[in-house]
Amino acid sequence: MQKTDYFISSHGANMTNLIFLPAHAKVLELINARKPDFCFWSLASYLDLNYNYQFCKIAKSDHIIVDIKELEKNIISQKS
């Protein structure tokens, strides 16, 4: 994790790995648009990480549906 430049993850326990990221890392969290929870924004802010999020639609099974074009746009915007 110490060599990570870009960390992209859906909202959940995996986001606790933020604590292992280097200071220059950029974070993109994929968030349930129906039940947004920004607790990991607080963690990223405390760690002084560059944090962004993308709202995602929800399938019937409560899995997220990621808009790939929007994801590409967000990744490109984080590179600059």
PDB file of N, CA and C in Angstrom:
ATOM      1  N   MET A   1       0.815  -1.199   0.000  1.00  0.00           N
ATOM      2  CA  MET A   1       0.000   0.000   0.000  1.00  0.00           C
ATOM      3  C   MET A   1       0.862   1.268   0.000  1.00  0.00           C
ATOM      4  N   GLN A   2       2.067   1.197   0.500  1.00  0.00           N
ATOM      5  CA  GLN A   2       2.920   2.377   0.591  1.00  0.00           C
ATOM      6  C   GLN A   2       3.314   2.951  -0.762  1.00  0.00           C
ATOM      7  N   LYS A   3       3.169   2.183  -1.831  1.00  0.00           N
ATOM      8  CA  LYS A   3       3.522   2.669  -3.167  1.00  0.00           C
ATOM      9  C   LYS A   3       2.289   2.994  -4.001  1.00  0.00           C
ATOM     10  N   THR A   4       1.137   3.041  -3.374  1.00  0.00           N
ATOM     11  CA  THR A   4      -0.120   3.295  -4.071  1.00  0.00           C
ATOM     12  C   THR A   4      -0.238   4.772  -4.436  1.00  0.00           C
ATOM     13  N   ASP A   5      -0.547   5.035  -5.705  1.00  0.00           N
ATOM     14  CA  ASP A   5      -0.804   6.404  -6.150  1.00  0.00           C
ATOM     15  C   ASP A   5      -2.302   6.694  -6.204  1.00  0.00           C
ATOM     16  N   TYR A   6      -3.082   5.713  -6.638  1.00  0.00           N
ATOM     17  CA  TYR A   6      -4.533   5.856  -6.788  1.00  0.00           C
ATOM     18  C   TYR A   6      -5.219   4.685  -6.101  1.00  0.00           C
ATOM     19  N   PHE A   7      -6.127   4.990  -5.193  1.00  0.00           N
ATOM     20  CA  PHE A   7      -6.865   3.967  -4.460  1.00  0.00           C
ATOM     21  C   PHE A   7      -8.336   4.135  -4.799  1.00  0.00           C
ATOM     22  N   ILE A   8      -8.918   3.141  -5.460  1.00  0.00           N
ATOM     23  CA  ILE A   8     -10.327   3.178  -5.848  1.00  0.00           C
ATOM     24  C   ILE A   8     -11.014   1.992  -5.197  1.00  0.00           C
ATOM     25  N   SER A   9     -12.100   2.267  -4.472  1.00  0.00           N
ATOM     26  CA  SER A   9     -12.790   1.197  -3.760  1.00  0.00           C
ATOM     27  C   SER A   9     -14.255   1.549  -3.569  1.00  0.00           C
ATOM     28  N   SER A  10     -15.085   0.512  -3.498  1.00  0.00           N
ATOM     29  CA  SER A  10     -16.469   0.732  -3.096  1.00  0.00           C
ATOM     30  C   SER A  10     -16.484   0.982  -1.585  1.00  0.00           C
ATOM     31  N   HIS A  11     -17.546   1.614  -1.131  1.00  0.00           N
ATOM     32  CA  HIS A  11     -17.693   1.902   0.293  1.00  0.00           C
ATOM     33  C   HIS A  11     -17.756   0.593   1.074  1.00  0.00           C
ATOM     34  N   GLY A  12     -16.993   0.517   2.133  1.00  0.00           N
ATOM     35  CA  GLY A  12     -16.999  -0.680   2.972  1.00  0.00           C
ATOM     36  C   GLY A  12     -15.698  -0.816   3.733  1.00  0.00           C
ATOM     37  N   ALA A  13     -15.533  -1.967   4.352  1.00  0.00           N
ATOM     38  CA  ALA A  13     -14.380  -2.210   5.222  1.00  0.00           C
ATOM     39  C   ALA A  13     -13.044  -2.016   4.512  1.00  0.00           C
ATOM     40  N   ASN A  14     -13.002  -2.280   3.207  1.00  0.00           N
ATOM     41  CA  ASN A  14     -11.752  -2.112   2.462  1.00  0.00           C
ATOM     42  C   ASN A  14     -11.225  -0.675   2.540  1.00  0.00           C
ATOM     43  N   MET A  15     -12.127   0.276   2.743  1.00  0.00           N
ATOM     44  CA  MET A  15     -11.707   1.676   2.811  1.00  0.00           C
ATOM     45  C   MET A  15     -10.842   1.966   4.045  1.00  0.00           C
ATOM     46  N   THR A  16     -10.845   1.086   5.030  1.00  0.00           N
ATOM     47  CA  THR A  16      -9.975   1.313   6.194  1.00  0.00           C
ATOM     48  C   THR A  16      -8.506   1.220   5.811  1.00  0.00           C
ATOM     49  N   ASN A  17      -8.225   0.663   4.637  1.00  0.00           N
ATOM     50  CA  ASN A  17      -6.837   0.605   4.158  1.00  0.00           C
ATOM     51  C   ASN A  17      -6.264   1.993   3.876  1.00  0.00           C
ATOM     52  N   LEU A  18      -7.093   3.020   3.946  1.00  0.00           N
ATOM     53  CA  LEU A  18      -6.601   4.388   3.782  1.00  0.00           C
ATOM     54  C   LEU A  18      -5.466   4.682   4.757  1.00  0.00           C
ATOM     55  N   ILE A  19      -5.512   4.070   5.916  1.00  0.00           N
ATOM     56  CA  ILE A  19      -4.490   4.365   6.935  1.00  0.00           C
ATOM     57  C   ILE A  19      -3.097   3.928   6.504  1.00  0.00           C
ATOM     58  N   PHE A  20      -3.008   3.078   5.490  1.00  0.00           N
ATOM     59  CA  PHE A  20      -1.710   2.594   5.015  1.00  0.00           C
ATOM     60  C   PHE A  20      -1.208   3.335   3.773  1.00  0.00           C
ATOM     61  N   LEU A  21      -1.988   4.286   3.263  1.00  0.00           N
ATOM     62  CA  LEU A  21      -1.612   4.982   2.033  1.00  0.00           C
ATOM     63  C   LEU A  21      -0.569   6.061   2.298  1.00  0.00           C
ATOM     64  N   PRO A  22       0.297   6.302   1.306  1.00  0.00           N
ATOM     65  CA  PRO A  22       1.251   7.411   1.435  1.00  0.00           C
ATOM     66  C   PRO A  22       0.515   8.746   1.287  1.00  0.00           C
ATOM     67  N   ALA A  23       1.124   9.799   1.747  1.00  0.00           N
ATOM     68  CA  ALA A  23       0.485  11.119   1.759  1.00  0.00           C
ATOM     69  C   ALA A  23       0.095  11.618   0.372  1.00  0.00           C
ATOM     70  N   HIS A  24       0.790  11.195  -0.675  1.00  0.00           N
ATOM     71  CA  HIS A  24       0.492  11.689  -2.023  1.00  0.00           C
ATOM     72  C   HIS A  24      -0.660  10.928  -2.699  1.00  0.00           C
ATOM     73  N   ALA A  25      -1.158   9.862  -2.087  1.00  0.00           N
ATOM     74  CA  ALA A  25      -2.176   9.011  -2.720  1.00  0.00           C
ATOM     75  C   ALA A  25      -3.494   9.761  -2.926  1.00  0.00           C
ATOM     76  N   LYS A  26      -4.174   9.393  -3.993  1.00  0.00           N
ATOM     77  CA  LYS A  26      -5.489   9.950  -4.302  1.00  0.00           C
ATOM     78  C   LYS A  26      -6.520   8.844  -4.136  1.00  0.00           C
ATOM     79  N   VAL A  27      -7.649   9.195  -3.528  1.00  0.00           N
ATOM     80  CA  VAL A  27      -8.677   8.224  -3.172  1.00  0.00           C
ATOM     81  C   VAL A  27      -9.961   8.528  -3.932  1.00  0.00           C
ATOM     82  N   LEU A  28     -10.567   7.485  -4.494  1.00  0.00           N
ATOM     83  CA  LEU A  28     -11.881   7.602  -5.126  1.00  0.00           C
ATOM     84  C   LEU A  28     -12.770   6.520  -4.525  1.00  0.00           C
ATOM     85  N   GLU A  29     -13.806   6.952  -3.813  1.00  0.00           N
ATOM     86  CA  GLU A  29     -14.732   6.016  -3.174  1.00  0.00           C
ATOM     87  C   GLU A  29     -16.012   5.923  -3.998  1.00  0.00           C
ATOM     88  N   LEU A  30     -16.451   4.704  -4.260  1.00  0.00           N
ATOM     89  CA  LEU A  30     -17.691   4.442  -4.985  1.00  0.00           C
ATOM     90  C   LEU A  30     -18.796   4.263  -3.944  1.00  0.00           C
ATOM     91  N   ILE A  31     -19.774   5.184  -3.959  1.00  0.00           N
ATOM     92  CA  ILE A  31     -20.758   5.276  -2.880  1.00  0.00           C
ATOM     93  C   ILE A  31     -22.167   4.967  -3.376  1.00  0.00           C
ATOM     94  N   ASN A  32     -22.912   4.248  -2.555  1.00  0.00           N
ATOM     95  CA  ASN A  32     -24.326   3.960  -2.790  1.00  0.00           C
ATOM     96  C   ASN A  32     -25.090   5.286  -2.818  1.00  0.00           C
ATOM     97  N   ALA A  33     -25.696   5.610  -3.956  1.00  0.00           N
ATOM     98  CA  ALA A  33     -26.394   6.887  -4.099  1.00  0.00           C
ATOM     99  C   ALA A  33     -27.638   6.969  -3.213  1.00  0.00           C
ATOM    100  N   ARG A  34     -28.238   5.832  -2.873  1.00  0.00           N
ATOM    101  CA  ARG A  34     -29.442   5.828  -2.033  1.00  0.00           C
ATOM    102  C   ARG A  34     -29.134   6.021  -0.554  1.00  0.00           C
ATOM    103  N   LYS A  35     -27.991   5.530  -0.122  1.00  0.00           N
ATOM    104  CA  LYS A  35     -27.623   5.612   1.299  1.00  0.00           C
ATOM    105  C   LYS A  35     -26.189   6.122   1.433  1.00  0.00           C
ATOM    106  N   PRO A  36     -25.941   7.368   1.058  1.00  0.00           N
ATOM    107  CA  PRO A  36     -24.559   7.862   1.124  1.00  0.00           C
ATOM    108  C   PRO A  36     -24.055   7.921   2.565  1.00  0.00           C
ATOM    109  N   ASP A  37     -22.823   7.544   2.728  1.00  0.00           N
ATOM    110  CA  ASP A  37     -22.165   7.562   4.037  1.00  0.00           C
ATOM    111  C   ASP A  37     -20.747   8.067   3.798  1.00  0.00           C
ATOM    112  N   PHE A  38     -20.413   9.191   4.399  1.00  0.00           N
ATOM    113  CA  PHE A  38     -19.127   9.829   4.137  1.00  0.00           C
ATOM    114  C   PHE A  38     -18.131   9.655   5.283  1.00  0.00           C
ATOM    115  N   CYS A  39     -18.262   8.568   6.036  1.00  0.00           N
ATOM    116  CA  CYS A  39     -17.353   8.371   7.175  1.00  0.00           C
ATOM    117  C   CYS A  39     -15.899   8.245   6.721  1.00  0.00           C
ATOM    118  N   PHE A  40     -15.662   7.703   5.535  1.00  0.00           N
ATOM    119  CA  PHE A  40     -14.276   7.549   5.078  1.00  0.00           C
ATOM    120  C   PHE A  40     -13.708   8.863   4.547  1.00  0.00           C
ATOM    121  N   TRP A  41     -14.581   9.810   4.212  1.00  0.00           N
ATOM    122  CA  TRP A  41     -14.110  11.154   3.888  1.00  0.00           C
ATOM    123  C   TRP A  41     -13.438  11.742   5.133  1.00  0.00           C
ATOM    124  N   SER A  42     -14.049  11.511   6.287  1.00  0.00           N
ATOM    125  CA  SER A  42     -13.469  12.011   7.541  1.00  0.00           C
ATOM    126  C   SER A  42     -12.092  11.415   7.784  1.00  0.00           C
ATOM    127  N   LEU A  43     -11.963  10.107   7.557  1.00  0.00           N
ATOM    128  CA  LEU A  43     -10.671   9.444   7.739  1.00  0.00           C
ATOM    129  C   LEU A  43      -9.646   9.991   6.751  1.00  0.00           C
ATOM    130  N   ALA A  44     -10.042  10.120   5.486  1.00  0.00           N
ATOM    131  CA  ALA A  44      -9.130  10.647   4.462  1.00  0.00           C
ATOM    132  C   ALA A  44      -8.713  12.078   4.798  1.00  0.00           C
ATOM    133  N   SER A  45      -9.657  12.864   5.272  1.00  0.00           N
ATOM    134  CA  SER A  45      -9.362  14.244   5.649  1.00  0.00           C
ATOM    135  C   SER A  45      -8.363  14.285   6.807  1.00  0.00           C
ATOM    136  N   TYR A  46      -8.570  13.450   7.796  1.00  0.00           N
ATOM    137  CA  TYR A  46      -7.655  13.378   8.938  1.00  0.00           C
ATOM    138  C   TYR A  46      -6.250  12.993   8.486  1.00  0.00           C
ATOM    139  N   LEU A  47      -6.176  12.086   7.496  1.00  0.00           N
ATOM    140  CA  LEU A  47      -4.882  11.622   6.985  1.00  0.00           C
ATOM    141  C   LEU A  47      -4.306  12.555   5.920  1.00  0.00           C
ATOM    142  N   ASP A  48      -5.040  13.631   5.602  1.00  0.00           N
ATOM    143  CA  ASP A  48      -4.635  14.623   4.603  1.00  0.00           C
ATOM    144  C   ASP A  48      -4.464  14.004   3.213  1.00  0.00           C
ATOM    145  N   LEU A  49      -5.371  13.076   2.864  1.00  0.00           N
ATOM    146  CA  LEU A  49      -5.358  12.451   1.542  1.00  0.00           C
ATOM    147  C   LEU A  49      -6.298  13.200   0.610  1.00  0.00           C
ATOM    148  N   ASN A  50      -6.003  13.164  -0.670  1.00  0.00           N
ATOM    149  CA  ASN A  50      -6.856  13.765  -1.691  1.00  0.00           C
ATOM    150  C   ASN A  50      -8.029  12.810  -1.929  1.00  0.00           C
ATOM    151  N   TYR A  51      -9.215  13.154  -1.422  1.00  0.00           N
ATOM    152  CA  TYR A  51     -10.387  12.271  -1.450  1.00  0.00           C
ATOM    153  C   TYR A  51     -11.443  12.791  -2.420  1.00  0.00           C
ATOM    154  N   ASN A  52     -11.986  11.883  -3.215  1.00  0.00           N
ATOM    155  CA  ASN A  52     -13.134  12.175  -4.071  1.00  0.00           C
ATOM    156  C   ASN A  52     -14.081  10.992  -4.002  1.00  0.00           C
ATOM    157  N   TYR A  53     -15.299  11.194  -4.479  1.00  0.00           N
ATOM    158  CA  TYR A  53     -16.273  10.109  -4.466  1.00  0.00           C
ATOM    159  C   TYR A  53     -17.082  10.112  -5.753  1.00  0.00           C
ATOM    160  N   GLN A  54     -17.722   8.994  -6.013  1.00  0.00           N
ATOM    161  CA  GLN A  54     -18.616   8.857  -7.159  1.00  0.00           C
ATOM    162  C   GLN A  54     -19.866   8.140  -6.669  1.00  0.00           C
ATOM    163  N   PHE A  55     -21.032   8.770  -6.868  1.00  0.00           N
ATOM    164  CA  PHE A  55     -22.286   8.113  -6.529  1.00  0.00           C
ATOM    165  C   PHE A  55     -22.578   7.027  -7.550  1.00  0.00           C
ATOM    166  N   CYS A  56     -23.084   5.893  -7.080  1.00  0.00           N
ATOM    167  CA  CYS A  56     -23.409   4.757  -7.944  1.00  0.00           C
ATOM    168  C   CYS A  56     -24.848   4.323  -7.706  1.00  0.00           C
ATOM    169  N   LYS A  57     -25.506   3.910  -8.776  1.00  0.00           N
ATOM    170  CA  LYS A  57     -26.856   3.362  -8.658  1.00  0.00           C
ATOM    171  C   LYS A  57     -26.769   1.989  -8.007  1.00  0.00           C
ATOM    172  N   ILE A  58     -27.928   1.513  -7.547  1.00  0.00           N
ATOM    173  CA  ILE A  58     -27.974   0.243  -6.837  1.00  0.00           C
ATOM    174  C   ILE A  58     -28.814  -0.767  -7.610  1.00  0.00           C
ATOM    175  N   ALA A  59     -28.293  -1.984  -7.720  1.00  0.00           N
ATOM    176  CA  ALA A  59     -29.048  -3.089  -8.317  1.00  0.00           C
ATOM    177  C   ALA A  59     -29.988  -3.653  -7.250  1.00  0.00           C
ATOM    178  N   LYS A  60     -30.896  -4.516  -7.653  1.00  0.00           N
ATOM    179  CA  LYS A  60     -31.848  -5.104  -6.704  1.00  0.00           C
ATOM    180  C   LYS A  60     -31.154  -5.806  -5.543  1.00  0.00           C
ATOM    181  N   SER A  61     -30.014  -6.374  -5.793  1.00  0.00           N
ATOM    182  CA  SER A  61     -29.295  -7.131  -4.762  1.00  0.00           C
ATOM    183  C   SER A  61     -28.468  -6.240  -3.839  1.00  0.00           C
ATOM    184  N   ASP A  62     -28.608  -4.926  -3.963  1.00  0.00           N
ATOM    185  CA  ASP A  62     -27.856  -3.950  -3.172  1.00  0.00           C
ATOM    186  C   ASP A  62     -26.402  -3.813  -3.609  1.00  0.00           C
ATOM    187  N   HIS A  63     -26.034  -4.411  -4.736  1.00  0.00           N
ATOM    188  CA  HIS A  63     -24.710  -4.194  -5.308  1.00  0.00           C
ATOM    189  C   HIS A  63     -24.730  -2.874  -6.063  1.00  0.00           C
ATOM    190  N   ILE A  64     -23.577  -2.223  -6.152  1.00  0.00           N
ATOM    191  CA  ILE A  64     -23.531  -0.954  -6.871  1.00  0.00           C
ATOM    192  C   ILE A  64     -23.353  -1.191  -8.368  1.00  0.00           C
ATOM    193  N   ILE A  65     -23.855  -0.249  -9.140  1.00  0.00           N
ATOM    194  CA  ILE A  65     -23.683  -0.243 -10.591  1.00  0.00           C
ATOM    195  C   ILE A  65     -22.808   0.963 -10.905  1.00  0.00           C
ATOM    196  N   VAL A  66     -21.611   0.707 -11.383  1.00  0.00           N
ATOM    197  CA  VAL A  66     -20.645   1.773 -11.631  1.00  0.00           C
ATOM    198  C   VAL A  66     -20.773   2.257 -13.070  1.00  0.00           C
ATOM    199  N   ASP A  67     -20.975   3.562 -13.233  1.00  0.00           N
ATOM    200  CA  ASP A  67     -20.991   4.187 -14.555  1.00  0.00           C
ATOM    201  C   ASP A  67     -19.530   4.301 -15.006  1.00  0.00           C
ATOM    202  N   ILE A  68     -19.143   3.479 -15.971  1.00  0.00           N
ATOM    203  CA  ILE A  68     -17.740   3.400 -16.386  1.00  0.00           C
ATOM    204  C   ILE A  68     -17.247   4.710 -16.994  1.00  0.00           C
ATOM    205  N   LYS A  69     -18.081   5.378 -17.781  1.00  0.00           N
ATOM    206  CA  LYS A  69     -17.658   6.658 -18.373  1.00  0.00           C
ATOM    207  C   LYS A  69     -17.385   7.691 -17.278  1.00  0.00           C
ATOM    208  N   GLU A  70     -18.239   7.727 -16.277  1.00  0.00           N
ATOM    209  CA  GLU A  70     -18.022   8.647 -15.163  1.00  0.00           C
ATOM    210  C   GLU A  70     -16.767   8.255 -14.378  1.00  0.00           C
ATOM    211  N   LEU A  71     -16.548   6.961 -14.205  1.00  0.00           N
ATOM    212  CA  LEU A  71     -15.346   6.485 -13.517  1.00  0.00           C
ATOM    213  C   LEU A  71     -14.092   6.913 -14.272  1.00  0.00           C
ATOM    214  N   GLU A  72     -14.096   6.736 -15.586  1.00  0.00           N
ATOM    215  CA  GLU A  72     -12.953   7.170 -16.402  1.00  0.00           C
ATOM    216  C   GLU A  72     -12.706   8.659 -16.237  1.00  0.00           C
ATOM    217  N   LYS A  73     -13.786   9.445 -16.278  1.00  0.00           N
ATOM    218  CA  LYS A  73     -13.671  10.894 -16.115  1.00  0.00           C
ATOM    219  C   LYS A  73     -13.068  11.239 -14.754  1.00  0.00           C
ATOM    220  N   ASN A  74     -13.516  10.555 -13.711  1.00  0.00           N
ATOM    221  CA  ASN A  74     -12.995  10.819 -12.366  1.00  0.00           C
ATOM    222  C   ASN A  74     -11.532  10.421 -12.225  1.00  0.00           C
ATOM    223  N   ILE A  75     -11.150   9.320 -12.848  1.00  0.00           N
ATOM    224  CA  ILE A  75      -9.744   8.894 -12.799  1.00  0.00           C
ATOM    225  C   ILE A  75      -8.860   9.910 -13.513  1.00  0.00           C
ATOM    226  N   ILE A  76      -9.287  10.346 -14.689  1.00  0.00           N
ATOM    227  CA  ILE A  76      -8.519  11.339 -15.450  1.00  0.00           C
ATOM    228  C   ILE A  76      -8.407  12.645 -14.669  1.00  0.00           C
ATOM    229  N   SER A  77      -9.492  13.073 -14.037  1.00  0.00           N
ATOM    230  CA  SER A  77      -9.448  14.334 -13.286  1.00  0.00           C
ATOM    231  C   SER A  77      -8.528  14.231 -12.069  1.00  0.00           C
ATOM    232  N   GLN A  78      -8.371  13.043 -11.505  1.00  0.00           N
ATOM    233  CA  GLN A  78      -7.470  12.889 -10.363  1.00  0.00           C
ATOM    234  C   GLN A  78      -6.010  12.862 -10.786  1.00  0.00           C
ATOM    235  N   LYS A  79      -5.749  12.546 -12.042  1.00  0.00           N
ATOM    236  CA  LYS A  79      -4.362  12.519 -12.515  1.00  0.00           C
ATOM    237  C   LYS A  79      -3.791  13.919 -12.659  1.00  0.00           C
ATOM    238  N   SER A  80      -4.662  14.909 -12.815  1.00  0.00           N
ATOM    239  CA  SER A  80      -4.165  16.276 -13.025  1.00  0.00           C
ATOM    240  C   SER A  80      -3.957  17.006 -11.724  1.00  0.00           C
TER     241      SER A  80
END
